[in-house]
Amino acid sequence: MITKKKTRSSSEQIANTQKKIIQGVLFLIGFTLIFIFIFGNHGLFQLYKLEKEKKSVINYISNLRDEREKLKIEKNKLENDMKYLEKLARENYLMSKPGEKVFRVLPNKEK
């Protein structure tokens, strides 16, 4: 009878050991899959980075479109609006109409 108990207990120990090994392997596989799901090439972390970059690019494109519209308006003014051209010439290049005098105001140089 003692030998039967020992064989049963040893077979139970072997079964328990096998269960622990299988559980350990399954845990390791599950952990690896979760890690890959989060940090892999197509994981959640990569998806978050791509969404952030996408928002940045969309914002940049929007800014470029706004700037393009402003430049189109400026181009149209330069081609068609003589008063605007005259204003630019007077302000930026110190030009004047015949008979006008241009005075330059210099800033005070403080000591």
PDB file of N, CA and C in Angstrom:
ATOM      1  N   MET A   1       0.790  -1.196   0.000  1.00  0.00           N
ATOM      2  CA  MET A   1       0.000   0.000   0.000  1.00  0.00           C
ATOM      3  C   MET A   1       0.838   1.268   0.000  1.00  0.00           C
ATOM      4  N   ILE A   2       1.920   1.196   0.671  1.00  0.00           N
ATOM      5  CA  ILE A   2       2.791   2.358   0.729  1.00  0.00           C
ATOM      6  C   ILE A   2       3.326   2.671  -0.660  1.00  0.00           C
ATOM      7  N   THR A   3       3.641   1.681  -1.418  1.00  0.00           N
ATOM      8  CA  THR A   3       4.149   1.911  -2.759  1.00  0.00           C
ATOM      9  C   THR A   3       3.081   2.513  -3.650  1.00  0.00           C
ATOM     10  N   LYS A   4       1.816   2.125  -3.460  1.00  0.00           N
ATOM     11  CA  LYS A   4       0.746   2.707  -4.259  1.00  0.00           C
ATOM     12  C   LYS A   4       0.571   4.181  -3.925  1.00  0.00           C
ATOM     13  N   LYS A   5       0.683   4.550  -2.645  1.00  0.00           N
ATOM     14  CA  LYS A   5       0.560   5.954  -2.266  1.00  0.00           C
ATOM     15  C   LYS A   5       1.691   6.767  -2.872  1.00  0.00           C
ATOM     16  N   LYS A   6       2.872   6.205  -2.819  1.00  0.00           N
ATOM     17  CA  LYS A   6       4.029   6.919  -3.365  1.00  0.00           C
ATOM     18  C   LYS A   6       3.882   7.090  -4.874  1.00  0.00           C
ATOM     19  N   THR A   7       3.391   6.071  -5.555  1.00  0.00           N
ATOM     20  CA  THR A   7       3.229   6.193  -6.999  1.00  0.00           C
ATOM     21  C   THR A   7       2.135   7.183  -7.336  1.00  0.00           C
ATOM     22  N   ARG A   8       1.072   7.173  -6.532  1.00  0.00           N
ATOM     23  CA  ARG A   8       0.015   8.158  -6.786  1.00  0.00           C
ATOM     24  C   ARG A   8       0.510   9.559  -6.501  1.00  0.00           C
ATOM     25  N   SER A   9       1.173   9.736  -5.403  1.00  0.00           N
ATOM     26  CA  SER A   9       1.655  11.070  -5.075  1.00  0.00           C
ATOM     27  C   SER A   9       2.714  11.535  -6.074  1.00  0.00           C
ATOM     28  N   SER A  10       3.556  10.623  -6.522  1.00  0.00           N
ATOM     29  CA  SER A  10       4.555  11.024  -7.512  1.00  0.00           C
ATOM     30  C   SER A  10       3.887  11.311  -8.861  1.00  0.00           C
ATOM     31  N   SER A  11       2.878  10.548  -9.216  1.00  0.00           N
ATOM     32  CA  SER A  11       2.179  10.825 -10.473  1.00  0.00           C
ATOM     33  C   SER A  11       1.389  12.124 -10.357  1.00  0.00           C
ATOM     34  N   GLU A  12       0.857  12.419  -9.163  1.00  0.00           N
ATOM     35  CA  GLU A  12       0.173  13.701  -8.946  1.00  0.00           C
ATOM     36  C   GLU A  12       1.170  14.853  -9.019  1.00  0.00           C
ATOM     37  N   GLN A  13       2.353  14.657  -8.468  1.00  0.00           N
ATOM     38  CA  GLN A  13       3.387  15.693  -8.534  1.00  0.00           C
ATOM     39  C   GLN A  13       3.803  15.944  -9.988  1.00  0.00           C
ATOM     40  N   ILE A  14       3.934  14.885 -10.731  1.00  0.00           N
ATOM     41  CA  ILE A  14       4.294  15.022 -12.148  1.00  0.00           C
ATOM     42  C   ILE A  14       3.181  15.760 -12.890  1.00  0.00           C
ATOM     43  N   ALA A  15       1.938  15.405 -12.600  1.00  0.00           N
ATOM     44  CA  ALA A  15       0.809  16.078 -13.246  1.00  0.00           C
ATOM     45  C   ALA A  15       0.763  17.556 -12.855  1.00  0.00           C
ATOM     46  N   ASN A  16       0.994  17.834 -11.560  1.00  0.00           N
ATOM     47  CA  ASN A  16       1.015  19.230 -11.110  1.00  0.00           C
ATOM     48  C   ASN A  16       2.160  20.004 -11.753  1.00  0.00           C
ATOM     49  N   THR A  17       3.303  19.377 -11.859  1.00  0.00           N
ATOM     50  CA  THR A  17       4.454  20.010 -12.495  1.00  0.00           C
ATOM     51  C   THR A  17       4.155  20.296 -13.968  1.00  0.00           C
ATOM     52  N   GLN A  18       3.548  19.341 -14.649  1.00  0.00           N
ATOM     53  CA  GLN A  18       3.195  19.541 -16.057  1.00  0.00           C
ATOM     54  C   GLN A  18       2.179  20.676 -16.200  1.00  0.00           C
ATOM     55  N   LYS A  19       1.199  20.722 -15.288  1.00  0.00           N
ATOM     56  CA  LYS A  19       0.211  21.810 -15.333  1.00  0.00           C
ATOM     57  C   LYS A  19       0.887  23.163 -15.142  1.00  0.00           C
ATOM     58  N   LYS A  20       1.834  23.231 -14.183  1.00  0.00           N
ATOM     59  CA  LYS A  20       2.545  24.486 -13.934  1.00  0.00           C
ATOM     60  C   LYS A  20       3.369  24.896 -15.143  1.00  0.00           C
ATOM     61  N   ILE A  21       4.005  23.922 -15.770  1.00  0.00           N
ATOM     62  CA  ILE A  21       4.805  24.219 -16.971  1.00  0.00           C
ATOM     63  C   ILE A  21       3.905  24.735 -18.089  1.00  0.00           C
ATOM     64  N   ILE A  22       2.776  24.060 -18.289  1.00  0.00           N
ATOM     65  CA  ILE A  22       1.833  24.481 -19.342  1.00  0.00           C
ATOM     66  C   ILE A  22       1.284  25.865 -19.031  1.00  0.00           C
ATOM     67  N   GLN A  23       0.935  26.119 -17.772  1.00  0.00           N
ATOM     68  CA  GLN A  23       0.445  27.441 -17.384  1.00  0.00           C
ATOM     69  C   GLN A  23       1.514  28.507 -17.606  1.00  0.00           C
ATOM     70  N   GLY A  24       2.750  28.184 -17.262  1.00  0.00           N
ATOM     71  CA  GLY A  24       3.852  29.123 -17.466  1.00  0.00           C
ATOM     72  C   GLY A  24       4.054  29.444 -18.943  1.00  0.00           C
ATOM     73  N   VAL A  25       4.019  28.409 -19.767  1.00  0.00           N
ATOM     74  CA  VAL A  25       4.188  28.594 -21.212  1.00  0.00           C
ATOM     75  C   VAL A  25       3.024  29.425 -21.771  1.00  0.00           C
ATOM     76  N   LEU A  26       1.788  29.111 -21.357  1.00  0.00           N
ATOM     77  CA  LEU A  26       0.629  29.884 -21.822  1.00  0.00           C
ATOM     78  C   LEU A  26       0.705  31.332 -21.363  1.00  0.00           C
ATOM     79  N   PHE A  27       1.150  31.558 -20.122  1.00  0.00           N
ATOM     80  CA  PHE A  27       1.317  32.924 -19.626  1.00  0.00           C
ATOM     81  C   PHE A  27       2.361  33.664 -20.457  1.00  0.00           C
ATOM     82  N   LEU A  28       3.474  32.999 -20.732  1.00  0.00           N
ATOM     83  CA  LEU A  28       4.534  33.624 -21.530  1.00  0.00           C
ATOM     84  C   LEU A  28       4.040  33.950 -22.935  1.00  0.00           C
ATOM     85  N   ILE A  29       3.311  33.046 -23.554  1.00  0.00           N
ATOM     86  CA  ILE A  29       2.752  33.294 -24.887  1.00  0.00           C
ATOM     87  C   ILE A  29       1.759  34.459 -24.838  1.00  0.00           C
ATOM     88  N   GLY A  30       0.875  34.452 -23.833  1.00  0.00           N
ATOM     89  CA  GLY A  30      -0.096  35.539 -23.695  1.00  0.00           C
ATOM     90  C   GLY A  30       0.581  36.873 -23.474  1.00  0.00           C
ATOM     91  N   PHE A  31       1.586  36.908 -22.609  1.00  0.00           N
ATOM     92  CA  PHE A  31       2.322  38.152 -22.358  1.00  0.00           C
ATOM     93  C   PHE A  31       3.008  38.645 -23.629  1.00  0.00           C
ATOM     94  N   THR A  32       3.600  37.728 -24.372  1.00  0.00           N
ATOM     95  CA  THR A  32       4.273  38.099 -25.628  1.00  0.00           C
ATOM     96  C   THR A  32       3.272  38.674 -26.627  1.00  0.00           C
ATOM     97  N   LEU A  33       2.108  38.059 -26.749  1.00  0.00           N
ATOM     98  CA  LEU A  33       1.090  38.562 -27.682  1.00  0.00           C
ATOM     99  C   LEU A  33       0.594  39.953 -27.274  1.00  0.00           C
ATOM    100  N   ILE A  34       0.377  40.149 -25.984  1.00  0.00           N
ATOM    101  CA  ILE A  34      -0.057  41.472 -25.505  1.00  0.00           C
ATOM    102  C   ILE A  34       1.028  42.501 -25.767  1.00  0.00           C
ATOM    103  N   PHE A  35       2.283  42.154 -25.515  1.00  0.00           N
ATOM    104  CA  PHE A  35       3.400  43.071 -25.761  1.00  0.00           C
ATOM    105  C   PHE A  35       3.474  43.452 -27.234  1.00  0.00           C
ATOM    106  N   ILE A  36       3.323  42.466 -28.109  1.00  0.00           N
ATOM    107  CA  ILE A  36       3.361  42.729 -29.554  1.00  0.00           C
ATOM    108  C   ILE A  36       2.168  43.592 -29.956  1.00  0.00           C
ATOM    109  N   PHE A  37       0.995  43.320 -29.381  1.00  0.00           N
ATOM    110  CA  PHE A  37      -0.215  44.097 -29.694  1.00  0.00           C
ATOM    111  C   PHE A  37      -0.047  45.562 -29.327  1.00  0.00           C
ATOM    112  N   ILE A  38       0.666  45.826 -28.243  1.00  0.00           N
ATOM    113  CA  ILE A  38       0.827  47.216 -27.793  1.00  0.00           C
ATOM    114  C   ILE A  38       2.030  47.883 -28.463  1.00  0.00           C
ATOM    115  N   PHE A  39       3.176  47.213 -28.470  1.00  0.00           N
ATOM    116  CA  PHE A  39       4.412  47.857 -28.901  1.00  0.00           C
ATOM    117  C   PHE A  39       4.939  47.377 -30.250  1.00  0.00           C
ATOM    118  N   GLY A  40       4.231  46.529 -30.956  1.00  0.00           N
ATOM    119  CA  GLY A  40       4.720  46.013 -32.237  1.00  0.00           C
ATOM    120  C   GLY A  40       4.657  47.059 -33.343  1.00  0.00           C
ATOM    121  N   ASN A  41       5.077  46.667 -34.538  1.00  0.00           N
ATOM    122  CA  ASN A  41       5.087  47.577 -35.685  1.00  0.00           C
ATOM    123  C   ASN A  41       3.701  48.096 -36.024  1.00  0.00           C
ATOM    124  N   HIS A  42       2.683  47.309 -35.780  1.00  0.00           N
ATOM    125  CA  HIS A  42       1.311  47.724 -36.066  1.00  0.00           C
ATOM    126  C   HIS A  42       0.501  47.774 -34.776  1.00  0.00           C
ATOM    127  N   GLY A  43       1.179  48.048 -33.663  1.00  0.00           N
ATOM    128  CA  GLY A  43       0.533  48.038 -32.360  1.00  0.00           C
ATOM    129  C   GLY A  43      -0.118  49.368 -32.014  1.00  0.00           C
ATOM    130  N   LEU A  44      -0.676  49.394 -30.824  1.00  0.00           N
ATOM    131  CA  LEU A  44      -1.387  50.587 -30.360  1.00  0.00           C
ATOM    132  C   LEU A  44      -0.468  51.800 -30.230  1.00  0.00           C
ATOM    133  N   PHE A  45       0.745  51.577 -29.744  1.00  0.00           N
ATOM    134  CA  PHE A  45       1.684  52.690 -29.588  1.00  0.00           C
ATOM    135  C   PHE A  45       2.032  53.308 -30.931  1.00  0.00           C
ATOM    136  N   GLN A  46       2.287  52.479 -31.911  1.00  0.00           N
ATOM    137  CA  GLN A  46       2.587  52.967 -33.260  1.00  0.00           C
ATOM    138  C   GLN A  46       1.382  53.692 -33.849  1.00  0.00           C
ATOM    139  N   LEU A  47       0.195  53.166 -33.614  1.00  0.00           N
ATOM    140  CA  LEU A  47      -1.028  53.799 -34.090  1.00  0.00           C
ATOM    141  C   LEU A  47      -1.194  55.181 -33.470  1.00  0.00           C
ATOM    142  N   TYR A  48      -0.920  55.306 -32.188  1.00  0.00           N
ATOM    143  CA  TYR A  48      -0.995  56.604 -31.508  1.00  0.00           C
ATOM    144  C   TYR A  48      -0.012  57.595 -32.122  1.00  0.00           C
ATOM    145  N   LYS A  49       1.223  57.150 -32.377  1.00  0.00           N
ATOM    146  CA  LYS A  49       2.221  58.038 -32.979  1.00  0.00           C
ATOM    147  C   LYS A  49       1.790  58.482 -34.374  1.00  0.00           C
ATOM    148  N   LEU A  50       1.227  57.566 -35.161  1.00  0.00           N
ATOM    149  CA  LEU A  50       0.792  57.910 -36.509  1.00  0.00           C
ATOM    150  C   LEU A  50      -0.379  58.885 -36.493  1.00  0.00           C
ATOM    151  N   GLU A  51      -1.309  58.723 -35.560  1.00  0.00           N
ATOM    152  CA  GLU A  51      -2.432  59.659 -35.443  1.00  0.00           C
ATOM    153  C   GLU A  51      -1.937  61.052 -35.078  1.00  0.00           C
ATOM    154  N   LYS A  52      -0.984  61.116 -34.174  1.00  0.00           N
ATOM    155  CA  LYS A  52      -0.403  62.400 -33.775  1.00  0.00           C
ATOM    156  C   LYS A  52       0.290  63.066 -34.962  1.00  0.00           C
ATOM    157  N   GLU A  53       1.044  62.298 -35.713  1.00  0.00           N
ATOM    158  CA  GLU A  53       1.734  62.822 -36.891  1.00  0.00           C
ATOM    159  C   GLU A  53       0.728  63.260 -37.957  1.00  0.00           C
ATOM    160  N   LYS A  54      -0.359  62.500 -38.110  1.00  0.00           N
ATOM    161  CA  LYS A  54      -1.394  62.840 -39.081  1.00  0.00           C
ATOM    162  C   LYS A  54      -2.025  64.189 -38.748  1.00  0.00           C
ATOM    163  N   LYS A  55      -2.334  64.417 -37.468  1.00  0.00           N
ATOM    164  CA  LYS A  55      -2.901  65.700 -37.051  1.00  0.00           C
ATOM    165  C   LYS A  55      -1.928  66.842 -37.337  1.00  0.00           C
ATOM    166  N   SER A  56      -0.658  66.603 -37.087  1.00  0.00           N
ATOM    167  CA  SER A  56       0.365  67.618 -37.343  1.00  0.00           C
ATOM    168  C   SER A  56       0.435  67.947 -38.836  1.00  0.00           C
ATOM    169  N   VAL A  57       0.415  66.940 -39.682  1.00  0.00           N
ATOM    170  CA  VAL A  57       0.485  67.153 -41.132  1.00  0.00           C
ATOM    171  C   VAL A  57      -0.773  67.857 -41.636  1.00  0.00           C
ATOM    172  N   ILE A  58      -1.940  67.485 -41.117  1.00  0.00           N
ATOM    173  CA  ILE A  58      -3.186  68.145 -41.525  1.00  0.00           C
ATOM    174  C   ILE A  58      -3.153  69.619 -41.144  1.00  0.00           C
ATOM    175  N   ASN A  59      -2.652  69.911 -39.951  1.00  0.00           N
ATOM    176  CA  ASN A  59      -2.539  71.298 -39.504  1.00  0.00           C
ATOM    177  C   ASN A  59      -1.563  72.077 -40.397  1.00  0.00           C
ATOM    178  N   TYR A  60      -0.444  71.452 -40.747  1.00  0.00           N
ATOM    179  CA  TYR A  60       0.547  72.091 -41.621  1.00  0.00           C
ATOM    180  C   TYR A  60      -0.051  72.374 -42.999  1.00  0.00           C
ATOM    181  N   ILE A  61      -0.786  71.422 -43.545  1.00  0.00           N
ATOM    182  CA  ILE A  61      -1.433  71.601 -44.851  1.00  0.00           C
ATOM    183  C   ILE A  61      -2.445  72.733 -44.788  1.00  0.00           C
ATOM    184  N   SER A  62      -3.198  72.792 -43.712  1.00  0.00           N
ATOM    185  CA  SER A  62      -4.190  73.860 -43.548  1.00  0.00           C
ATOM    186  C   SER A  62      -3.510  75.223 -43.517  1.00  0.00           C
ATOM    187  N   ASN A  63      -2.400  75.318 -42.794  1.00  0.00           N
ATOM    188  CA  ASN A  63      -1.656  76.584 -42.744  1.00  0.00           C
ATOM    189  C   ASN A  63      -1.123  76.967 -44.119  1.00  0.00           C
ATOM    190  N   LEU A  64      -0.641  75.983 -44.864  1.00  0.00           N
ATOM    191  CA  LEU A  64      -0.130  76.266 -46.210  1.00  0.00           C
ATOM    192  C   LEU A  64      -1.250  76.733 -47.144  1.00  0.00           C
ATOM    193  N   ARG A  65      -2.433  76.157 -47.003  1.00  0.00           N
ATOM    194  CA  ARG A  65      -3.565  76.586 -47.838  1.00  0.00           C
ATOM    195  C   ARG A  65      -3.951  78.028 -47.516  1.00  0.00           C
ATOM    196  N   ASP A  66      -3.977  78.366 -46.216  1.00  0.00           N
ATOM    197  CA  ASP A  66      -4.286  79.743 -45.824  1.00  0.00           C
ATOM    198  C   ASP A  66      -3.260  80.713 -46.387  1.00  0.00           C
ATOM    199  N   GLU A  67      -1.990  80.338 -46.292  1.00  0.00           N
ATOM    200  CA  GLU A  67      -0.928  81.195 -46.817  1.00  0.00           C
ATOM    201  C   GLU A  67      -1.049  81.343 -48.335  1.00  0.00           C
ATOM    202  N   ARG A  68      -1.396  80.255 -49.016  1.00  0.00           N
ATOM    203  CA  ARG A  68      -1.573  80.318 -50.471  1.00  0.00           C
ATOM    204  C   ARG A  68      -2.700  81.275 -50.849  1.00  0.00           C
ATOM    205  N   GLU A  69      -3.803  81.242 -50.100  1.00  0.00           N
ATOM    206  CA  GLU A  69      -4.914  82.160 -50.366  1.00  0.00           C
ATOM    207  C   GLU A  69      -4.488  83.609 -50.163  1.00  0.00           C
ATOM    208  N   LYS A  70      -3.732  83.864 -49.096  1.00  0.00           N
ATOM    209  CA  LYS A  70      -3.239  85.233 -48.854  1.00  0.00           C
ATOM    210  C   LYS A  70      -2.332  85.688 -49.991  1.00  0.00           C
ATOM    211  N   LEU A  71      -1.482  84.780 -50.467  1.00  0.00           N
ATOM    212  CA  LEU A  71      -0.583  85.135 -51.567  1.00  0.00           C
ATOM    213  C   LEU A  71      -1.353  85.366 -52.869  1.00  0.00           C
ATOM    214  N   LYS A  72      -2.425  84.616 -53.098  1.00  0.00           N
ATOM    215  CA  LYS A  72      -3.250  84.856 -54.288  1.00  0.00           C
ATOM    216  C   LYS A  72      -3.885  86.237 -54.234  1.00  0.00           C
ATOM    217  N   ILE A  73      -4.384  86.602 -53.046  1.00  0.00           N
ATOM    218  CA  ILE A  73      -4.989  87.929 -52.884  1.00  0.00           C
ATOM    219  C   ILE A  73      -3.938  89.010 -53.104  1.00  0.00           C
ATOM    220  N   GLU A  74      -2.757  88.813 -52.534  1.00  0.00           N
ATOM    221  CA  GLU A  74      -1.657  89.781 -52.706  1.00  0.00           C
ATOM    222  C   GLU A  74      -1.287  89.898 -54.189  1.00  0.00           C
ATOM    223  N   LYS A  75      -1.210  88.779 -54.885  1.00  0.00           N
ATOM    224  CA  LYS A  75      -0.878  88.790 -56.309  1.00  0.00           C
ATOM    225  C   LYS A  75      -1.932  89.556 -57.095  1.00  0.00           C
ATOM    226  N   ASN A  76      -3.191  89.310 -56.779  1.00  0.00           N
ATOM    227  CA  ASN A  76      -4.274  89.999 -57.468  1.00  0.00           C
ATOM    228  C   ASN A  76      -4.188  91.512 -57.233  1.00  0.00           C
ATOM    229  N   LYS A  77      -3.900  91.906 -55.991  1.00  0.00           N
ATOM    230  CA  LYS A  77      -3.760  93.332 -55.691  1.00  0.00           C
ATOM    231  C   LYS A  77      -2.590  93.942 -56.470  1.00  0.00           C
ATOM    232  N   LEU A  78      -1.488  93.230 -56.535  1.00  0.00           N
ATOM    233  CA  LEU A  78      -0.312  93.751 -57.241  1.00  0.00           C
ATOM    234  C   LEU A  78      -0.570  93.882 -58.740  1.00  0.00           C
ATOM    235  N   GLU A  79      -1.377  92.991 -59.286  1.00  0.00           N
ATOM    236  CA  GLU A  79      -1.652  93.046 -60.719  1.00  0.00           C
ATOM    237  C   GLU A  79      -2.720  94.076 -61.076  1.00  0.00           C
ATOM    238  N   ASN A  80      -3.673  94.321 -60.191  1.00  0.00           N
ATOM    239  CA  ASN A  80      -4.839  95.108 -60.577  1.00  0.00           C
ATOM    240  C   ASN A  80      -5.060  96.397 -59.784  1.00  0.00           C
ATOM    241  N   ASP A  81      -4.559  96.513 -58.593  1.00  0.00           N
ATOM    242  CA  ASP A  81      -4.874  97.645 -57.726  1.00  0.00           C
ATOM    243  C   ASP A  81      -3.719  98.643 -57.731  1.00  0.00           C
ATOM    244  N   MET A  82      -3.906  99.740 -58.467  1.00  0.00           N
ATOM    245  CA  MET A  82      -2.847 100.743 -58.582  1.00  0.00           C
ATOM    246  C   MET A  82      -2.644 101.503 -57.269  1.00  0.00           C
ATOM    247  N   LYS A  83      -3.707 101.716 -56.504  1.00  0.00           N
ATOM    248  CA  LYS A  83      -3.563 102.404 -55.223  1.00  0.00           C
ATOM    249  C   LYS A  83      -2.710 101.577 -54.264  1.00  0.00           C
ATOM    250  N   TYR A  84      -2.894 100.282 -54.287  1.00  0.00           N
ATOM    251  CA  TYR A  84      -2.096  99.410 -53.425  1.00  0.00           C
ATOM    252  C   TYR A  84      -0.627  99.439 -53.852  1.00  0.00           C
ATOM    253  N   LEU A  85      -0.369  99.417 -55.154  1.00  0.00           N
ATOM    254  CA  LEU A  85       1.007  99.515 -55.655  1.00  0.00           C
ATOM    255  C   LEU A  85       1.652 100.824 -55.238  1.00  0.00           C
ATOM    256  N   GLU A  86       0.885 101.904 -55.352  1.00  0.00           N
ATOM    257  CA  GLU A  86       1.395 103.223 -54.969  1.00  0.00           C
ATOM    258  C   GLU A  86       1.715 103.246 -53.477  1.00  0.00           C
ATOM    259  N   LYS A  87       0.869 102.684 -52.675  1.00  0.00           N
ATOM    260  CA  LYS A  87       1.090 102.632 -51.228  1.00  0.00           C
ATOM    261  C   LYS A  87       2.372 101.860 -50.909  1.00  0.00           C
ATOM    262  N   LEU A  88       2.569 100.706 -51.554  1.00  0.00           N
ATOM    263  CA  LEU A  88       3.778  99.916 -51.326  1.00  0.00           C
ATOM    264  C   LEU A  88       5.022 100.672 -51.752  1.00  0.00           C
ATOM    265  N   ALA A  89       4.941 101.336 -52.892  1.00  0.00           N
ATOM    266  CA  ALA A  89       6.094 102.089 -53.385  1.00  0.00           C
ATOM    267  C   ALA A  89       6.449 103.214 -52.430  1.00  0.00           C
ATOM    268  N   ARG A  90       5.448 103.895 -51.885  1.00  0.00           N
ATOM    269  CA  ARG A  90       5.712 104.995 -50.957  1.00  0.00           C
ATOM    270  C   ARG A  90       6.286 104.465 -49.636  1.00  0.00           C
ATOM    271  N   GLU A  91       5.721 103.406 -49.103  1.00  0.00           N
ATOM    272  CA  GLU A  91       6.151 102.909 -47.802  1.00  0.00           C
ATOM    273  C   GLU A  91       7.493 102.182 -47.851  1.00  0.00           C
ATOM    274  N   ASN A  92       7.674 101.347 -48.826  1.00  0.00           N
ATOM    275  CA  ASN A  92       8.870 100.499 -48.850  1.00  0.00           C
ATOM    276  C   ASN A  92      10.058 101.101 -49.587  1.00  0.00           C
ATOM    277  N   TYR A  93       9.781 101.914 -50.599  1.00  0.00           N
ATOM    278  CA  TYR A  93      10.875 102.401 -51.443  1.00  0.00           C
ATOM    279  C   TYR A  93      11.032 103.911 -51.422  1.00  0.00           C
ATOM    280  N   LEU A  94      10.315 104.586 -50.528  1.00  0.00           N
ATOM    281  CA  LEU A  94      10.391 106.030 -50.346  1.00  0.00           C
ATOM    282  C   LEU A  94      10.188 106.790 -51.654  1.00  0.00           C
ATOM    283  N   MET A  95       9.311 106.330 -52.491  1.00  0.00           N
ATOM    284  CA  MET A  95       9.003 107.002 -53.750  1.00  0.00           C
ATOM    285  C   MET A  95       7.951 108.066 -53.482  1.00  0.00           C
ATOM    286  N   SER A  96       7.880 109.012 -54.375  1.00  0.00           N
ATOM    287  CA  SER A  96       6.895 110.088 -54.206  1.00  0.00           C
ATOM    288  C   SER A  96       6.377 110.510 -55.573  1.00  0.00           C
ATOM    289  N   LYS A  97       5.268 111.220 -55.527  1.00  0.00           N
ATOM    290  CA  LYS A  97       4.720 111.778 -56.756  1.00  0.00           C
ATOM    291  C   LYS A  97       5.532 113.022 -57.113  1.00  0.00           C
ATOM    292  N   PRO A  98       5.473 113.464 -58.367  1.00  0.00           N
ATOM    293  CA  PRO A  98       6.189 114.693 -58.732  1.00  0.00           C
ATOM    294  C   PRO A  98       5.664 115.862 -57.896  1.00  0.00           C
ATOM    295  N   GLY A  99       6.606 116.616 -57.335  1.00  0.00           N
ATOM    296  CA  GLY A  99       6.249 117.789 -56.544  1.00  0.00           C
ATOM    297  C   GLY A  99       6.138 117.480 -55.057  1.00  0.00           C
ATOM    298  N   GLU A 100       6.137 116.253 -54.659  1.00  0.00           N
ATOM    299  CA  GLU A 100       6.063 115.905 -53.246  1.00  0.00           C
ATOM    300  C   GLU A 100       7.470 115.806 -52.668  1.00  0.00           C
ATOM    301  N   LYS A 101       7.574 116.055 -51.385  1.00  0.00           N
ATOM    302  CA  LYS A 101       8.850 115.896 -50.696  1.00  0.00           C
ATOM    303  C   LYS A 101       8.715 114.743 -49.712  1.00  0.00           C
ATOM    304  N   VAL A 102       9.772 113.968 -49.630  1.00  0.00           N
ATOM    305  CA  VAL A 102       9.780 112.836 -48.712  1.00  0.00           C
ATOM    306  C   VAL A 102      10.683 113.189 -47.539  1.00  0.00           C
ATOM    307  N   PHE A 103      10.133 113.059 -46.343  1.00  0.00           N
ATOM    308  CA  PHE A 103      10.913 113.314 -45.139  1.00  0.00           C
ATOM    309  C   PHE A 103      11.132 111.992 -44.429  1.00  0.00           C
ATOM    310  N   ARG A 104      12.351 111.805 -44.037  1.00  0.00           N
ATOM    311  CA  ARG A 104      12.706 110.594 -43.317  1.00  0.00           C
ATOM    312  C   ARG A 104      12.815 110.916 -41.840  1.00  0.00           C
ATOM    313  N   VAL A 105      12.153 110.168 -41.014  1.00  0.00           N
ATOM    314  CA  VAL A 105      12.215 110.376 -39.574  1.00  0.00           C
ATOM    315  C   VAL A 105      13.157 109.331 -39.000  1.00  0.00           C
ATOM    316  N   LEU A 106      14.220 109.794 -38.373  1.00  0.00           N
ATOM    317  CA  LEU A 106      15.200 108.908 -37.793  1.00  0.00           C
ATOM    318  C   LEU A 106      14.913 108.711 -36.302  1.00  0.00           C
ATOM    319  N   PRO A 107      15.098 107.561 -35.799  1.00  0.00           N
ATOM    320  CA  PRO A 107      14.881 107.340 -34.354  1.00  0.00           C
ATOM    321  C   PRO A 107      15.981 108.026 -33.546  1.00  0.00           C
ATOM    322  N   ASN A 108      15.640 108.449 -32.342  1.00  0.00           N
ATOM    323  CA  ASN A 108      16.633 109.074 -31.464  1.00  0.00           C
ATOM    324  C   ASN A 108      17.646 108.037 -31.008  1.00  0.00           C
ATOM    325  N   LYS A 109      18.909 108.442 -31.051  1.00  0.00           N
ATOM    326  CA  LYS A 109      19.957 107.560 -30.558  1.00  0.00           C
ATOM    327  C   LYS A 109      20.225 107.959 -29.099  1.00  0.00           C
ATOM    328  N   GLU A 110      19.803 107.114 -28.193  1.00  0.00           N
ATOM    329  CA  GLU A 110      19.993 107.413 -26.778  1.00  0.00           C
ATOM    330  C   GLU A 110      21.373 106.957 -26.364  1.00  0.00           C
ATOM    331  N   LYS A 111      21.962 107.753 -25.491  1.00  0.00           N
ATOM    332  CA  LYS A 111      23.326 107.429 -25.031  1.00  0.00           C
ATOM    333  C   LYS A 111      23.297 106.615 -23.790  1.00  0.00           C
TER     334      LYS A 111
END
